[in-house]
Amino acid sequence: MKKFKGLGAMLLAGLLVIPGNLGLAGQVLAQSEAQTDKQLQELRQKRQETLQEQEREAKQLENTGKRKQDALKRQQDAIKRQKAAEQGQR
């Protein structure tokens, strides 16, 4: 009988302690959710910044390629003009 009373007392004490801890656990969980939301927001912002940086780099590479083509064409035109001028002097 004493074992049953002791077991019942422990069970009762456990039931009384758990609801109090659940309140604290709820607060901790709410705080961790707030931190998780903040971390997710920061990750989204970093991802957005990374995408914008990649777009800028792509545009810069595109502009660089176009400028290089334009410079090559100007150089070829200059060579043609020089050859034409040399033939005109002869």
Protein backbone atom coordinates (compact mmCIF):
# COMPACT_ATOMS: atom_id res chain seq x y z
CA MET A 1 0.00 0.00 0.00
CA LYS A 2 2.80 2.39 0.83
CA LYS A 3 4.29 1.83 -2.59
CA PHE A 4 1.00 2.75 -4.24
CA LYS A 5 0.64 5.89 -2.11
CA GLY A 6 4.22 6.91 -2.91
CA LEU A 7 3.68 6.28 -6.59
CA GLY A 8 0.43 8.25 -6.51
CA ALA A 9 2.13 11.15 -4.73
CA MET A 10 4.92 11.19 -7.31
CA LEU A 11 2.41 11.08 -10.14
CA LEU A 12 0.41 13.94 -8.58
CA ALA A 13 3.57 15.99 -8.07
CA GLY A 14 4.57 15.36 -11.68
CA LEU A 15 1.19 16.50 -12.94
CA LEU A 16 1.44 19.69 -10.90
CA VAL A 17 4.97 20.44 -12.08
CA ILE A 18 4.39 19.80 -15.79
CA PRO A 19 1.74 22.51 -16.40
CA GLY A 20 4.02 25.12 -14.81
CA ASN A 21 6.86 24.03 -17.05
CA LEU A 22 4.65 24.05 -20.10
CA GLY A 23 4.07 27.77 -19.59
CA LEU A 24 7.80 28.38 -19.52
CA ALA A 25 8.28 26.09 -22.49
CA GLY A 26 5.65 28.09 -24.36
CA GLN A 27 7.55 31.31 -23.69
CA VAL A 28 10.82 29.77 -24.78
CA LEU A 29 9.14 28.39 -27.89
CA ALA A 30 7.67 31.81 -28.71
CA GLN A 31 11.09 33.42 -28.29
CA SER A 32 12.73 30.81 -30.49
CA GLU A 33 10.02 31.34 -33.14
CA ALA A 34 10.74 35.08 -33.08
CA GLN A 35 14.45 34.38 -33.51
CA THR A 36 13.70 31.92 -36.31
CA ASP A 37 11.50 34.50 -38.06
CA LYS A 38 14.27 37.08 -37.74
CA GLN A 39 16.83 34.62 -39.11
CA LEU A 40 14.54 33.77 -42.02
CA GLN A 41 14.09 37.46 -42.76
CA GLU A 42 17.86 37.97 -42.73
CA LEU A 43 18.35 34.98 -45.03
CA ARG A 44 15.74 36.32 -47.46
CA GLN A 45 17.41 39.72 -47.45
CA LYS A 46 20.85 38.19 -48.08
CA ARG A 47 19.43 36.05 -50.87
CA GLN A 48 17.83 39.13 -52.46
CA GLU A 49 21.10 41.06 -52.21
CA THR A 50 22.96 38.13 -53.77
CA LEU A 51 20.51 37.98 -56.66
CA GLN A 52 20.83 41.72 -57.23
CA GLU A 53 24.62 41.46 -57.19
CA GLN A 54 24.52 38.61 -59.71
CA GLU A 55 22.26 40.68 -61.98
CA ARG A 56 24.65 43.63 -61.76
CA GLU A 57 27.61 41.39 -62.60
CA ALA A 58 25.74 39.89 -65.56
CA LYS A 59 24.93 43.37 -66.91
CA GLN A 60 28.53 44.46 -66.42
CA LEU A 61 29.81 41.39 -68.29
CA GLU A 62 27.32 42.05 -71.06
CA ASN A 63 28.45 45.68 -71.31
CA THR A 64 32.09 44.62 -71.24
CA GLY A 65 31.54 42.18 -74.09
CA LYS A 66 29.72 44.79 -76.14
CA ARG A 67 32.42 47.38 -75.54
CA LYS A 68 35.07 44.85 -76.54
CA GLN A 69 33.23 44.10 -79.79
CA ASP A 70 32.85 47.83 -80.49
CA ALA A 71 36.57 48.41 -79.87
CA LEU A 72 37.49 45.54 -82.18
CA LYS A 73 35.24 46.94 -84.91
CA ARG A 74 36.75 50.43 -84.50
CA GLN A 75 40.22 48.91 -84.75
CA GLN A 76 39.31 47.03 -87.95
CA ASP A 77 37.76 50.19 -89.42
CA ALA A 78 40.92 52.15 -88.57
CA ILE A 79 43.06 49.52 -90.33
CA LYS A 80 40.83 49.72 -93.42
CA ARG A 81 41.03 53.53 -93.46
CA GLN A 82 44.79 53.40 -93.08
CA LYS A 83 45.13 50.96 -95.97
CA ALA A 84 42.81 53.11 -98.11
CA ALA A 85 44.86 56.23 -97.25
CA GLU A 86 48.11 54.46 -98.15
CA GLN A 87 46.68 53.40 -101.52
CA GLY A 88 45.48 56.95 -102.12
CA GLN A 89 48.98 58.35 -101.52
CA ARG A 90 50.57 56.01 -104.05
